Amino acid sequence: MYNEKDLLKAVKSSFQKYKEFGAISTQKLIPLHNYISTTLQKIWGSKYEIYFMGKNSKEATVKGKYYPKDIDIAVFKGKKPVFCLGIKFITSNYKQNANNCFENMMGETANIQANQIPYAHIIIMRYETPYYKKNNSNIPDKIEIIGEKDITKYLKLIYDTP
């Protein structure tokens, strides 16, 4: 079901779309969403429907405790969501946005899990992450190294809910 080579191929394709279309374009996520949704369909089976951002699919909106949320990838049985997955593909300026990113993930997780729906994340980060100043977005001002202390909080979040 899971194939590391195919996952890395999807990540590479997504990264190429990022370089082609830019950081705010949703095009960068489509190859990754396609791979993950195909893998989830194999895991969950034909009785479940997978919603995701793709050519022939779109994200599902799931009712949260505090607000409705468009979910990157959602697994439904009938009209009921049974599993939700957020995808974060961090390509630049990580350390500048690290706390906001993490706090957003905590809020998303709490919002959905409060309705008894499992919610998980896949986070893809670059070890050497460029930092761009606002005035020159083509040339990095510096390279940030993503280390253990940067990812420890994400690992702790995984074990926050049984």
Protein backbone atom coordinates (compact mmCIF):
# COMPACT_ATOMS: atom_id res chain seq x y z
CA MET A 1 0.00 0.00 0.00
CA TYR A 2 2.51 2.61 1.16
CA ASN A 3 5.45 2.86 -1.17
CA GLU A 4 8.32 5.13 -0.12
CA LYS A 5 9.54 5.52 -3.69
CA ASP A 6 6.10 6.68 -4.86
CA LEU A 7 5.76 9.04 -1.89
CA LEU A 8 9.12 10.64 -2.67
CA LYS A 9 8.09 10.93 -6.32
CA ALA A 10 4.90 12.76 -5.25
CA VAL A 11 6.90 15.07 -2.96
CA LYS A 12 9.34 15.81 -5.79
CA SER A 13 6.49 16.54 -8.19
CA SER A 14 4.83 18.82 -5.63
CA PHE A 15 8.11 20.65 -5.09
CA GLN A 16 8.49 21.15 -8.85
CA LYS A 17 4.95 22.61 -8.94
CA TYR A 18 5.93 24.91 -6.06
CA LYS A 19 8.89 26.18 -8.08
CA GLU A 20 6.75 26.57 -11.20
CA PHE A 21 3.62 28.17 -9.71
CA GLY A 22 4.89 29.74 -6.47
CA ALA A 23 4.38 29.33 -2.75
CA ILE A 24 0.73 30.33 -2.52
CA SER A 25 -0.50 28.24 -5.45
CA THR A 26 -2.53 25.14 -4.60
CA GLN A 27 -0.96 23.45 -7.63
CA LYS A 28 1.97 22.38 -5.47
CA LEU A 29 -0.30 20.20 -3.33
CA ILE A 30 -2.12 18.26 -6.04
CA PRO A 31 0.53 15.56 -6.71
CA LEU A 32 0.93 14.95 -2.97
CA HIS A 33 -2.83 14.87 -2.36
CA ASN A 34 -3.29 12.44 -5.26
CA TYR A 35 -0.70 10.02 -3.86
CA ILE A 36 -1.99 10.16 -0.28
CA SER A 37 -5.64 9.85 -1.29
CA THR A 38 -4.85 6.83 -3.49
CA THR A 39 -2.98 5.22 -0.60
CA LEU A 40 -5.82 5.94 1.83
CA GLN A 41 -8.37 4.50 -0.61
CA LYS A 42 -6.38 1.24 -0.66
CA ILE A 43 -6.24 1.21 3.15
CA TRP A 44 -9.90 2.09 3.81
CA GLY A 45 -11.44 0.24 0.87
CA SER A 46 -14.25 0.86 -1.57
CA LYS A 47 -16.93 1.41 1.10
CA TYR A 48 -15.27 4.71 1.94
CA GLU A 49 -15.02 7.88 -0.12
CA ILE A 50 -11.94 10.07 -0.10
CA TYR A 51 -12.21 13.84 -0.62
CA PHE A 52 -9.10 15.81 -1.54
CA MET A 53 -7.82 18.58 -3.75
CA GLY A 54 -7.36 17.02 -7.19
CA LYS A 55 -8.45 17.13 -10.81
CA ASN A 56 -11.67 15.19 -10.22
CA SER A 57 -12.13 15.81 -6.52
CA LYS A 58 -12.36 18.63 -4.04
CA GLU A 59 -11.80 19.08 -0.34
CA ALA A 60 -14.65 18.30 2.03
CA THR A 61 -15.91 20.74 4.61
CA VAL A 62 -16.21 19.06 8.01
CA LYS A 63 -18.18 20.47 10.92
CA GLY A 64 -15.85 21.27 13.78
CA LYS A 65 -16.70 22.15 17.36
CA TYR A 66 -15.86 25.82 16.78
CA TYR A 67 -16.09 26.32 13.01
CA PRO A 68 -16.47 24.32 9.78
CA LYS A 69 -13.10 23.37 8.28
CA ASP A 70 -12.07 22.56 4.71
CA ILE A 71 -10.03 19.39 5.17
CA ASP A 72 -7.05 18.63 2.94
CA ILE A 73 -7.92 14.93 2.79
CA ALA A 74 -11.03 13.46 4.42
CA VAL A 75 -12.31 9.89 4.55
CA PHE A 76 -16.10 9.52 4.64
CA LYS A 77 -18.40 6.58 5.12
CA GLY A 78 -21.68 7.67 3.64
CA LYS A 79 -22.11 11.28 4.65
CA LYS A 80 -20.09 10.95 7.84
CA PRO A 81 -16.38 11.86 8.13
CA VAL A 82 -14.39 9.11 9.85
CA PHE A 83 -10.82 10.39 9.43
CA CYS A 84 -9.27 13.74 8.51
CA LEU A 85 -5.75 14.55 7.43
CA GLY A 86 -4.04 17.94 7.16
CA ILE A 87 -1.03 18.37 4.89
CA LYS A 88 1.65 20.96 5.58
CA PHE A 89 4.36 21.42 2.94
CA ILE A 90 6.78 23.99 4.36
CA THR A 91 9.11 25.24 1.63
CA SER A 92 10.58 28.48 3.00
CA ASN A 93 10.77 30.88 5.96
CA TYR A 94 10.07 28.10 8.46
CA LYS A 95 11.51 29.62 11.63
CA GLN A 96 9.75 32.95 11.04
CA ASN A 97 6.40 31.15 10.92
CA ALA A 98 7.08 28.11 13.14
CA ASN A 99 4.89 29.10 16.09
CA ASN A 100 1.98 30.24 13.91
CA CYS A 101 2.12 27.02 11.90
CA PHE A 102 2.14 24.86 15.04
CA GLU A 103 -0.63 26.84 16.75
CA ASN A 104 -2.78 26.61 13.62
CA MET A 105 -2.25 22.84 13.59
CA MET A 106 -3.25 22.59 17.27
CA GLY A 107 -6.40 24.59 16.60
CA GLU A 108 -7.35 22.51 13.56
CA THR A 109 -6.77 19.30 15.49
CA ALA A 110 -8.78 20.39 18.54
CA ASN A 111 -11.62 21.74 16.38
CA ILE A 112 -12.12 18.46 14.50
CA GLN A 113 -11.22 15.96 17.23
CA ALA A 114 -13.69 17.61 19.61
CA ASN A 115 -16.37 16.06 17.38
CA GLN A 116 -14.85 12.58 17.86
CA ILE A 117 -13.24 12.53 14.40
CA PRO A 118 -9.59 11.46 14.27
CA TYR A 119 -7.42 14.21 12.78
CA ALA A 120 -3.77 13.80 11.83
CA HIS A 121 -1.11 15.76 9.96
CA ILE A 122 1.58 15.04 7.44
CA ILE A 123 4.31 17.65 7.59
CA ILE A 124 6.98 17.93 4.93
CA MET A 125 9.90 20.23 5.67
CA ARG A 126 13.21 20.87 3.99
CA TYR A 127 16.30 20.23 6.09
CA GLU A 128 17.92 23.26 4.48
CA THR A 129 15.09 25.77 4.23
CA PRO A 130 15.59 29.08 2.45
CA TYR A 131 14.59 32.29 4.18
CA TYR A 132 13.40 35.02 1.82
CA LYS A 133 13.04 38.69 2.67
CA LYS A 134 9.81 40.26 1.48
CA ASN A 135 11.53 42.65 -0.92
CA ASN A 136 13.41 39.95 -2.88
CA SER A 137 11.57 36.67 -3.13
CA ASN A 138 13.94 35.02 -5.66
CA ILE A 139 17.19 34.99 -3.71
CA PRO A 140 17.32 33.58 -0.17
CA ASP A 141 18.70 35.91 2.47
CA LYS A 142 19.94 32.86 4.40
CA ILE A 143 19.44 29.13 4.80
CA GLU A 144 17.75 27.84 7.95
CA ILE A 145 18.60 24.33 9.18
CA ILE A 146 15.60 22.39 10.48
CA GLY A 147 16.77 20.33 13.44
CA GLU A 148 15.46 18.10 16.19
CA LYS A 149 14.34 20.97 18.41
CA ASP A 150 12.24 22.32 15.53
CA ILE A 151 10.27 19.10 15.11
CA THR A 152 9.98 17.90 18.74
CA LYS A 153 6.77 19.86 19.34
CA TYR A 154 5.11 18.11 16.39
CA LEU A 155 6.05 14.72 17.80
CA LYS A 156 4.58 15.73 21.18
CA LEU A 157 1.34 16.78 19.46
CA ILE A 158 0.96 13.29 17.98
CA TYR A 159 0.77 11.76 21.45
CA ASP A 160 -1.49 14.45 22.93
CA THR A 161 -4.68 12.52 22.24
CA PRO A 162 -5.00 8.76 22.79
